Protein backbone atom coordinates (compact mmCIF):
# COMPACT_ATOMS: atom_id res chain seq x y z
CA MET A 1 -0.10 -0.10 0.07
CA PRO A 2 1.63 3.38 -0.89
CA SER A 3 2.09 5.69 2.04
CA PRO A 4 -0.55 8.26 2.60
CA SER A 5 -0.07 12.13 1.88
CA LEU A 6 -0.99 14.90 4.15
CA THR A 7 -3.90 15.34 1.77
CA ASP A 8 -5.24 12.05 2.89
CA LEU A 9 -5.74 13.04 6.55
CA THR A 10 -8.36 15.44 7.94
CA ASP A 11 -7.58 18.56 9.87
CA ARG A 12 -8.05 16.88 13.15
CA ALA A 13 -5.99 13.76 12.21
CA ARG A 14 -3.45 16.38 11.05
CA ASP A 15 -3.34 17.86 14.31
CA ILE A 16 -3.03 14.82 16.27
CA PHE A 17 -0.56 13.32 14.25
CA ARG A 18 1.93 16.35 14.64
CA LEU A 19 1.62 16.65 18.18
CA VAL A 20 2.32 12.90 18.80
CA VAL A 21 5.58 13.20 16.07
CA GLU A 22 6.76 16.31 17.84
CA GLY A 23 5.95 14.61 21.77
CA TYR A 24 8.03 11.71 20.67
CA LEU A 25 11.05 13.46 19.15
CA ASP A 26 11.17 15.87 22.08
CA SER A 27 10.63 12.81 24.80
CA GLY A 28 11.70 9.59 22.78
CA HIS A 29 8.69 7.91 24.43
CA PRO A 30 5.06 7.00 23.09
CA VAL A 31 2.61 9.68 23.45
CA GLY A 32 -0.79 8.61 25.02
CA SER A 33 -4.61 10.07 24.67
CA LYS A 34 -4.45 11.41 27.98
CA ALA A 35 -1.24 13.33 27.26
CA LEU A 36 -2.49 14.58 24.25
CA SER A 37 -6.10 15.72 25.79
CA ALA A 38 -4.12 17.50 28.73
CA GLY A 39 -2.09 19.41 26.35
CA ARG A 40 -2.77 22.71 24.52
CA GLY A 41 -4.70 22.75 21.03
CA VAL A 42 -6.52 19.43 21.25
CA ASN A 43 -10.32 20.26 22.14
CA LEU A 44 -11.32 16.57 21.91
CA SER A 45 -12.19 13.92 24.31
CA PRO A 46 -9.62 10.99 25.08
CA ALA A 47 -11.96 8.84 23.38
CA SER A 48 -12.16 10.70 20.44
CA ILE A 49 -8.42 11.29 20.59
CA ARG A 50 -8.06 7.38 20.50
CA SER A 51 -10.14 7.10 17.54
CA VAL A 52 -7.99 9.42 15.60
CA LEU A 53 -5.12 7.47 16.76
CA ALA A 54 -6.27 3.95 15.86
CA GLU A 55 -7.23 5.86 12.37
CA LEU A 56 -3.42 7.14 12.10
CA GLU A 57 -2.33 3.92 13.08
CA GLY A 58 -4.50 2.02 10.25
CA LEU A 59 -2.56 4.14 7.67
CA GLY A 60 0.80 2.96 9.06
CA LEU A 61 1.73 6.65 10.38
CA LEU A 62 1.72 5.47 13.98
CA ALA A 63 2.47 2.41 15.81
CA ALA A 64 1.90 1.45 19.52
CA PRO A 65 5.18 -0.47 20.85
CA HIS A 66 2.79 -2.53 23.62
CA THR A 67 -0.94 -2.62 24.05
CA SER A 68 -1.03 -0.11 26.94
CA ALA A 69 1.47 2.50 25.61
CA GLY A 70 0.71 5.60 23.55
CA ARG A 71 1.60 5.83 19.95
CA MET A 72 4.87 6.53 18.02
CA PRO A 73 5.52 7.61 14.30
CA THR A 74 6.83 4.75 12.06
CA GLU A 75 9.18 5.38 9.70
CA SER A 76 6.61 6.32 7.06
CA GLY A 77 5.01 8.89 9.52
CA LEU A 78 8.38 10.32 10.28
CA ARG A 79 9.09 10.71 6.43
CA LEU A 80 5.65 12.24 5.92
CA PHE A 81 6.13 14.76 8.73
CA VAL A 82 9.86 15.64 7.73
CA ASP A 83 8.66 16.05 4.13
CA ALA A 84 5.26 17.73 4.57
CA MET A 85 5.12 19.17 7.91
CA MET A 86 8.24 20.16 9.62
CA GLN A 87 9.15 23.91 9.90
CA VAL A 88 12.97 24.66 9.89
CA GLY A 89 14.09 27.56 10.95
CA GLU A 90 17.75 28.91 11.73
CA PRO A 91 20.10 27.46 14.41
CA SER A 92 19.67 29.12 17.96
CA GLU A 93 22.25 31.88 18.85
CA HIS A 94 24.08 29.79 20.93
CA GLU A 95 24.25 26.90 18.22
CA ARG A 96 25.48 29.84 15.76
CA ASN A 97 28.18 30.96 18.21
CA ALA A 98 29.40 27.84 19.00
CA ILE A 99 29.84 26.56 15.47
CA GLU A 100 31.59 30.00 14.60
CA ARG A 101 33.94 29.94 17.49
CA GLY A 102 34.70 25.98 17.03
CA LEU A 103 35.85 26.51 13.51
CA THR A 104 38.89 28.54 13.66
CA SER A 105 41.23 29.05 10.84
CA ALA A 106 44.50 28.25 12.57
CA GLY A 107 46.21 25.02 11.49
CA PRO A 108 45.52 22.51 8.84
CA ILE A 109 42.20 21.79 6.99
CA GLU A 110 42.16 18.56 8.57
CA HIS A 111 41.89 20.23 11.90
CA ALA A 112 38.90 22.33 11.04
CA LEU A 113 36.92 19.10 9.81
CA GLU A 114 37.72 17.46 13.01
CA GLN A 115 36.02 20.42 14.62
CA ALA A 116 33.12 20.25 12.63
CA SER A 117 32.53 16.56 13.28
CA THR A 118 32.92 17.09 17.11
CA LEU A 119 30.70 20.31 16.75
CA LEU A 120 27.88 18.44 15.20
CA SER A 121 27.89 15.47 17.94
CA ASP A 122 28.12 17.95 20.76
CA LEU A 123 25.28 20.01 19.61
CA SER A 124 23.21 17.10 18.21
CA GLY A 125 23.86 14.84 20.67
CA ALA A 126 24.39 12.14 18.25
CA ALA A 127 27.50 11.17 16.25
CA GLY A 128 29.16 13.96 13.83
CA ILE A 129 30.58 12.53 10.18
CA VAL A 130 32.68 14.60 7.92
CA MET A 131 33.81 12.97 4.51
CA VAL A 132 37.28 14.57 3.90
CA PRO A 133 37.57 15.94 0.34
CA LYS A 134 39.58 13.46 -2.09
CA HIS A 135 42.69 14.99 -2.46
CA GLU A 136 45.60 13.46 -4.44
CA PRO A 137 48.91 15.22 -3.93
CA ARG A 138 50.77 16.29 -6.87
CA LEU A 139 53.97 14.48 -6.95
CA ALA A 140 57.90 15.40 -6.66
CA GLN A 141 59.57 12.27 -6.66
CA VAL A 142 59.07 8.42 -7.45
CA ARG A 143 61.26 5.57 -6.69
CA LEU A 144 60.83 1.87 -7.24
CA MET A 145 62.83 -0.61 -4.97
CA ARG A 146 62.21 -4.49 -5.27
CA ILE A 147 62.05 -6.18 -1.87
CA ALA A 148 61.40 -9.91 -2.78
CA PRO A 149 60.82 -11.86 -5.77
CA GLY A 150 57.81 -10.74 -7.55
CA ARG A 151 57.13 -7.62 -5.09
CA ALA A 152 58.27 -3.92 -4.93
CA LEU A 153 57.93 -1.03 -3.33
CA ALA A 154 56.89 2.30 -4.71
CA VAL A 155 57.92 5.44 -2.55
CA LEU A 156 55.87 8.45 -3.44
CA VAL A 157 57.06 11.75 -2.40
CA GLY A 158 54.35 14.83 -2.75
CA GLU A 159 55.12 18.34 -3.40
CA ASP A 160 53.86 19.19 0.04
CA GLY A 161 56.46 16.83 1.44
CA ALA A 162 54.12 13.88 2.10
CA VAL A 163 55.65 10.44 1.79
CA GLU A 164 53.47 7.47 0.85
CA ASN A 165 54.88 3.58 0.21
CA ARG A 166 52.83 1.09 -1.44
CA LEU A 167 53.45 -2.38 -2.54
CA PHE A 168 52.76 -3.66 -5.93
CA ASP A 169 53.07 -7.03 -7.82
CA THR A 170 56.09 -7.40 -10.25
CA THR A 171 57.44 -9.88 -12.66
CA PRO A 172 60.41 -11.84 -11.02
CA ASP A 173 62.87 -10.51 -13.34
CA ASP A 174 64.93 -7.01 -12.20
CA ALA A 175 65.70 -5.73 -15.34
CA PRO A 176 62.53 -3.68 -16.29
CA LEU A 177 62.25 -2.15 -12.72
CA GLU A 178 64.98 0.53 -13.52
CA GLN A 179 63.84 1.51 -16.85
CA ALA A 180 60.24 1.84 -15.08
CA ALA A 181 61.20 3.99 -12.51
CA ASN A 182 63.25 6.45 -14.75
CA TYR A 183 60.32 6.94 -17.02
CA LEU A 184 58.10 7.20 -13.92
CA GLN A 185 60.11 10.05 -12.73
CA ALA A 186 60.08 11.47 -16.09
CA ARG A 187 56.48 11.48 -16.47
CA MET A 188 54.99 11.78 -12.60
CA GLY A 189 56.56 15.17 -11.63
CA GLY A 190 54.07 17.72 -10.91
CA ARG A 191 51.21 15.35 -11.76
CA THR A 192 48.78 13.34 -9.69
CA LEU A 193 48.68 9.92 -9.73
CA SER A 194 45.42 10.07 -11.75
CA GLU A 195 46.86 12.29 -14.15
CA ALA A 196 49.81 10.45 -14.89
CA ALA A 197 48.27 7.34 -15.37
CA THR A 198 45.90 8.88 -18.39
CA VAL A 199 49.22 10.56 -19.72
CA VAL A 200 51.20 7.28 -19.34
CA ALA A 201 48.18 4.73 -20.59
CA ALA A 202 48.02 7.23 -23.80
CA GLU A 203 51.74 7.14 -24.62
CA ILE A 204 51.77 3.27 -24.25
CA ALA A 205 48.93 2.64 -26.38
CA GLY A 206 50.14 4.97 -28.95
CA GLY A 207 53.38 3.44 -29.04
CA LYS A 208 55.24 6.67 -28.17
CA SER A 209 56.98 5.57 -24.90
CA ALA A 210 60.60 4.38 -25.13
CA LEU A 211 59.69 1.29 -22.93
CA ASP A 212 60.34 -2.22 -23.84
CA ALA A 213 57.51 -4.77 -23.37
CA ALA A 214 58.28 -5.94 -19.69
CA SER A 215 58.59 -2.28 -18.81
CA ALA A 216 55.56 -1.07 -19.95
CA ASP A 217 53.70 -4.08 -18.65
CA LEU A 218 55.20 -3.20 -15.22
CA VAL A 219 54.40 0.73 -15.47
CA SER A 220 50.72 0.12 -16.83
CA ARG A 221 50.04 -2.28 -13.94
CA GLY A 222 51.59 -0.47 -11.27
CA LEU A 223 49.90 2.99 -12.10
CA ALA A 224 46.58 1.24 -12.33
CA VAL A 225 46.94 0.05 -8.79
CA TRP A 226 48.32 3.13 -7.37
CA SER A 227 45.74 5.29 -9.32
CA GLU A 228 42.82 3.25 -8.14
CA ASP A 229 43.78 3.23 -4.59
CA ALA A 230 44.18 7.00 -4.51
CA SER A 231 40.97 7.91 -5.83
CA ARG A 232 38.57 5.45 -4.12
CA ARG A 233 39.88 5.39 -0.53
CA PRO A 234 37.29 7.26 1.55
CA VAL A 235 38.61 9.59 4.12
CA LEU A 236 35.90 9.85 6.77
CA ILE A 237 35.83 11.49 10.46
CA VAL A 238 33.54 9.85 12.86
CA ARG A 239 32.94 11.78 16.55
CA GLY A 240 30.66 10.78 19.40
CA GLN A 241 29.81 7.34 18.52
CA ALA A 242 29.44 6.68 22.49
CA LYS A 243 26.14 9.34 22.16
CA LEU A 244 24.32 6.63 19.83
CA LEU A 245 24.17 4.30 22.80
CA ASP A 246 21.01 6.06 24.33
CA GLU A 247 18.92 4.36 26.81
CA ALA A 248 16.64 2.94 24.43
CA ALA A 249 19.71 1.45 22.47
CA LEU A 250 21.26 0.18 25.82
CA GLY A 251 18.16 -2.00 25.94
CA ASP A 252 18.52 -3.89 22.60
CA VAL A 253 21.91 -5.25 22.56
CA GLU A 254 21.62 -6.24 18.93
CA ARG A 255 20.67 -2.83 17.69
CA VAL A 256 23.79 -1.64 19.64
CA ARG A 257 26.07 -4.35 17.98
CA SER A 258 24.72 -3.97 14.37
CA LEU A 259 25.09 0.10 15.08
CA LEU A 260 28.71 -0.24 15.81
CA GLU A 261 29.32 -2.66 12.84
CA GLU A 262 27.72 -0.19 10.61
CA LEU A 263 29.95 2.72 11.87
CA GLU A 264 33.09 0.61 11.33
CA SER A 265 32.24 -0.02 7.60
CA ARG A 266 33.88 3.59 6.81
CA GLU A 267 33.85 2.87 3.08
CA ALA A 268 29.96 2.04 3.14
CA VAL A 269 29.41 5.05 5.35
CA ALA A 270 31.36 6.95 2.59
CA ARG A 271 29.10 5.69 -0.37
CA LEU A 272 26.03 6.80 1.67
CA LEU A 273 27.29 10.36 2.03
CA ASP A 274 28.32 10.48 -1.45
CA ARG A 275 24.43 10.56 -2.26
CA ALA A 276 24.32 13.68 -0.78
CA ARG A 277 27.58 15.06 -2.73
CA GLU A 278 25.71 13.77 -5.94
CA ALA A 279 22.41 15.48 -5.30
CA GLU A 280 24.28 18.66 -4.11
CA ALA A 281 21.74 19.43 -1.54
CA MET A 282 20.62 18.29 2.02
CA ARG A 283 19.43 14.67 2.19
CA ILE A 284 17.84 12.91 5.13
CA PHE A 285 17.77 8.98 5.18
CA ILE A 286 15.45 7.64 7.84
CA GLY A 287 15.76 4.23 9.36
CA SER A 288 15.66 1.50 6.41
CA GLU A 289 15.25 3.85 3.70
CA ASN A 290 19.18 3.04 3.48
CA ARG A 291 20.53 -0.47 3.71
CA LEU A 292 23.26 0.50 5.64
CA PHE A 293 21.59 1.62 8.69
CA SER A 294 18.58 -0.60 8.26
CA LEU A 295 19.18 -3.16 11.04
CA SER A 296 20.08 -0.50 13.71
CA GLY A 297 16.97 1.82 12.93
CA SER A 298 19.38 5.15 12.51
CA SER A 299 18.78 8.36 10.43
CA VAL A 300 21.29 10.19 8.86
CA ILE A 301 20.94 14.09 8.03
CA ALA A 302 23.93 15.10 5.50
CA ALA A 303 24.56 18.14 3.51
CA PRO A 304 27.37 18.88 0.98
CA TYR A 305 30.09 21.81 1.77
CA ARG A 306 31.53 23.81 -0.76
CA ASP A 307 34.70 25.62 -1.43
CA ARG A 308 34.25 29.63 -2.56
CA GLU A 309 33.57 28.81 -6.07
CA GLY A 310 30.41 26.86 -5.21
CA ARG A 311 32.10 23.56 -5.97
CA VAL A 312 31.01 20.62 -3.75
CA VAL A 313 34.24 19.41 -1.89
CA GLY A 314 32.69 17.16 0.78
CA VAL A 315 30.16 15.75 2.97
CA LEU A 316 29.14 16.56 6.43
CA GLY A 317 26.05 15.48 8.87
CA VAL A 318 24.60 13.69 11.60
CA ILE A 319 24.24 10.17 12.65
CA GLY A 320 21.46 9.42 15.06
CA PRO A 321 18.49 7.24 16.35
CA THR A 322 15.35 7.97 13.84
CA ARG A 323 13.95 10.05 17.03
CA LEU A 324 16.39 12.76 16.08
CA ASN A 325 15.14 16.10 16.55
CA TYR A 326 15.04 16.96 12.84
CA ALA A 327 13.63 20.45 13.00
CA ARG A 328 16.69 21.52 15.05
CA VAL A 329 19.42 19.27 13.41
CA VAL A 330 18.75 20.32 9.41
CA PRO A 331 19.50 23.77 10.27
CA MET A 332 22.66 23.15 12.45
CA VAL A 333 23.91 20.68 9.62
CA ASP A 334 23.16 23.28 6.88
CA PHE A 335 24.84 26.23 8.87
CA THR A 336 28.27 24.01 9.98
CA ALA A 337 28.32 23.10 6.03
CA ARG A 338 28.07 26.83 4.93
CA SER A 339 30.44 27.73 7.75
CA LEU A 340 33.19 25.34 6.69
CA GLY A 341 33.15 26.17 3.35
CA LYS A 342 35.36 29.24 3.80
CA PHE A 343 38.57 27.07 4.52
CA PHE A 344 38.35 26.12 1.03
CA GLY A 345 39.67 28.52 -1.46
């Protein structure tokens, strides 16, 4: 059955639904008819309220965790609330000041990214996540050294002084290694690995390289491994995982285990965040809407951050239980993303 839309609800049902969702997101507990009748804005008897609650439950928007308990929104109900009813403003003055004070320009860019993740965690009470921009340094020097039969070590020195060692497979013959190293050194200076791979592949394919067959094979296989490794590795900063283990989570050992395992899969989390990068807009994933966090029932609020030219360079956000205060966290994530952009020229 398709999820109901807001137009499927009467005015009375909308009001009751909104109060249940807001009460649940505020307290984390199901909301009962007595609490609704005692609150402001509902001029109905408990019996009439129970009738509306049953109607909303029948539509799949609310659920009762226990027979005697009140109602809480389902994932479909949360999605309807977020998309059609939630009112989003600006972060509070306290939140804006905390974000602006926390994001200082002193130190390397990685420090600002770590601060952004920590700030989001502290302010939201959930886990803060930041995906670092994919960055390939330009190379100043390349050295190849054989370390065992069939194995070689590439020492890559970046123009920024960074040094990285990578192992790769070779043929048992030592002869082509020196020729391959000289060829790479001549072609890779001032280029990233991806750029160098493109140039070298074109030269070899066009017969323009001075390499013999063995050296050309060595260069092609080595560059393919290095370039792919550099471009695919996600760099993810996660802060505040312990805050995800709330009272409700601690009562469900299986959910705790699932959540921690999901967060350990950094590459999978990065792929999820890439969906916000590709959309170039705020994304909200609720519970089982994303396969990664379906077992733990967690939600993700993610937004891309941009450089001063408006280009998307990374993604940041919050991971927490589905009862996140979306109306408060969404503007907080958006403001942090906009504030972080000033660090990227």
